[in-house]
Protein backbone atom coordinates (compact mmCIF):
# COMPACT_ATOMS: atom_id res chain seq x y z
CA MET A 1 0.06 0.06 0.09
CA ASN A 2 1.36 3.45 -1.06
CA ILE A 3 0.63 6.53 0.99
CA LEU A 4 1.29 10.12 0.03
CA LEU A 5 2.01 11.89 3.15
CA VAL A 6 2.06 15.83 3.04
CA ASP A 7 3.08 18.24 5.76
CA ASP A 8 5.28 21.25 5.96
CA ASN A 9 6.38 20.47 9.53
CA GLU A 10 9.46 18.23 8.86
CA ASP A 11 9.48 16.70 12.31
CA TYR A 12 5.86 15.49 12.17
CA LEU A 13 6.40 14.49 8.50
CA ASN A 14 9.49 12.41 9.35
CA PHE A 15 7.77 10.94 12.46
CA MET A 16 4.61 9.89 10.62
CA LYS A 17 6.70 8.53 7.64
CA GLU A 18 8.74 6.31 9.91
CA SER A 19 5.57 5.12 11.86
CA LEU A 20 3.72 4.22 8.71
CA PHE A 21 6.86 2.53 7.11
CA LEU A 22 7.14 0.41 10.29
CA ASN A 23 3.56 -0.53 9.87
CA GLY A 24 4.39 -1.92 6.41
CA TYR A 25 3.40 1.06 4.17
CA THR A 26 5.33 2.48 1.43
CA VAL A 27 5.32 6.33 1.95
CA ILE A 28 5.92 9.02 -0.49
CA THR A 29 6.40 12.45 1.14
CA ALA A 30 5.89 16.13 0.09
CA THR A 31 6.37 19.30 2.16
CA ASP A 32 3.44 21.13 0.60
CA GLY A 33 0.44 20.69 -1.64
CA SER A 34 2.21 21.95 -4.81
CA GLU A 35 4.91 19.20 -4.30
CA ALA A 36 2.35 16.63 -3.63
CA CYS A 37 0.51 17.36 -6.89
CA GLN A 38 3.68 16.43 -8.66
CA HIS A 39 3.32 12.90 -7.16
CA LEU A 40 -0.27 12.51 -8.31
CA ASP A 41 0.93 11.46 -11.83
CA ARG A 42 1.62 8.21 -10.16
CA PRO A 43 -1.12 5.63 -10.63
CA ASP A 44 -0.43 3.71 -7.52
CA ILE A 45 -1.29 5.99 -4.44
CA ASP A 46 -3.76 4.27 -2.16
CA LEU A 47 -4.17 6.80 0.32
CA ILE A 48 -3.47 10.50 0.72
CA ILE A 49 -2.67 12.10 4.24
CA SER A 50 -2.31 15.85 4.24
CA ASP A 51 -1.96 18.71 6.70
CA ILE A 52 -4.47 21.46 5.93
CA LYS A 53 -2.48 24.61 6.50
CA MET A 54 0.60 24.73 4.38
CA PRO A 55 2.46 27.22 2.15
CA THR A 56 2.03 27.46 -1.64
CA LEU A 57 -0.96 25.05 -1.89
CA ASP A 58 -2.91 24.04 1.22
CA GLY A 59 -4.42 20.67 1.96
CA ILE A 60 -8.00 21.77 1.04
CA MET A 61 -6.73 22.79 -2.50
CA LEU A 62 -4.73 19.60 -2.85
CA HIS A 63 -7.82 17.68 -2.11
CA ALA A 64 -9.86 19.52 -4.65
CA TYR A 65 -7.08 18.86 -7.26
CA ALA A 66 -6.83 15.16 -6.48
CA ARG A 67 -10.63 14.89 -6.79
CA GLU A 68 -10.49 16.42 -10.38
CA LEU A 69 -8.19 13.56 -11.57
CA ASP A 70 -10.12 10.49 -12.55
CA ARG A 71 -7.67 8.11 -10.75
CA TYR A 72 -7.93 9.90 -7.45
CA LYS A 73 -11.69 10.64 -7.42
CA LYS A 74 -12.34 7.94 -4.94
CA THR A 75 -8.89 7.58 -3.22
CA LYS A 76 -9.20 7.80 0.47
CA PHE A 77 -7.99 11.19 2.00
CA ILE A 78 -7.20 11.90 5.50
CA PHE A 79 -6.92 15.54 6.66
CA ILE A 80 -4.71 16.17 9.62
CA SER A 81 -4.40 19.53 11.41
CA GLY A 82 -2.68 21.04 14.39
CA TYR A 83 -5.58 23.59 14.69
CA GLY A 84 -8.00 20.98 16.06
CA ASP A 85 -11.44 21.15 14.43
CA ALA A 86 -11.12 24.78 13.35
CA TYR A 87 -11.52 23.65 9.62
CA SER A 88 -14.35 21.17 10.25
CA ASP A 89 -16.95 23.82 8.90
CA VAL A 90 -15.06 24.57 5.72
CA LEU A 91 -14.27 20.97 4.64
CA CYS A 92 -16.54 19.12 2.23
CA LEU A 93 -16.05 15.77 3.29
CA ASP A 94 -17.40 12.38 1.74
CA SER A 95 -17.91 10.37 4.80
CA ASP A 96 -16.94 7.24 2.90
CA ILE A 97 -13.49 8.42 1.65
CA ASP A 98 -12.61 11.72 3.50
CA PHE A 99 -11.52 11.82 7.16
CA PHE A 100 -10.15 14.44 9.52
CA PHE A 101 -7.66 13.91 12.51
CA SER A 102 -6.10 16.32 14.89
CA LYS A 103 -2.22 16.03 15.07
CA THR A 104 -2.65 15.48 18.83
CA THR A 105 -4.38 12.05 17.87
CA PRO A 106 -2.08 9.39 19.38
CA VAL A 107 -0.17 7.69 16.53
CA ALA A 108 -1.23 4.30 17.49
CA GLU A 109 -4.86 5.35 17.11
CA LEU A 110 -4.28 6.96 13.69
CA LEU A 111 -2.39 3.73 12.57
CA THR A 112 -5.19 1.50 13.66
CA PHE A 113 -7.63 3.71 11.76
CA ILE A 114 -5.47 3.43 8.72
CA ASP A 115 -5.10 -0.19 8.82
CA ASN A 116 -8.99 -0.74 9.19
CA LEU A 117 -9.49 1.79 6.45
CA MET A 118 -7.23 0.06 4.00
CA PHE A 119 -7.64 -3.45 4.97
CA GLY A 120 -11.11 -3.66 6.44
CA GLU A 121 -11.72 -7.02 8.21
CA PHE A 122 -8.28 -8.21 7.26
CA ALA A 123 -6.46 -5.39 9.28
CA GLY A 124 -4.06 -6.90 11.71
CA LYS A 125 -4.31 -10.48 10.42
CA TRP A 126 -2.09 -12.65 8.50
CA VAL A 127 -3.52 -13.81 5.22
């Protein structure tokens, strides 16, 4: 499973990259939405995790751009933010494929959610 991870906070980006990698995911990173858009020419991204507030192109615009591309119209997208739920009113989320987490969410909880999101009933099982 390939995850595009986007965040301008390098410490958080590296921490999450390592956590996801140790959980078995391949992680492609970008430091803002503009850089992330360059990775969307890849056909193999299974999940996008993006900070909301970033320079150049924010996570909301990245989400809109990804949804315009046929291959990413239904790709699961997780917004993360250090601003709590301050953006919850402006996000237009499809509850089946779009999700929001605070950066204060414990990483174990976020990883469990991602595993369940990506693998469903097979999450945490050897098959």
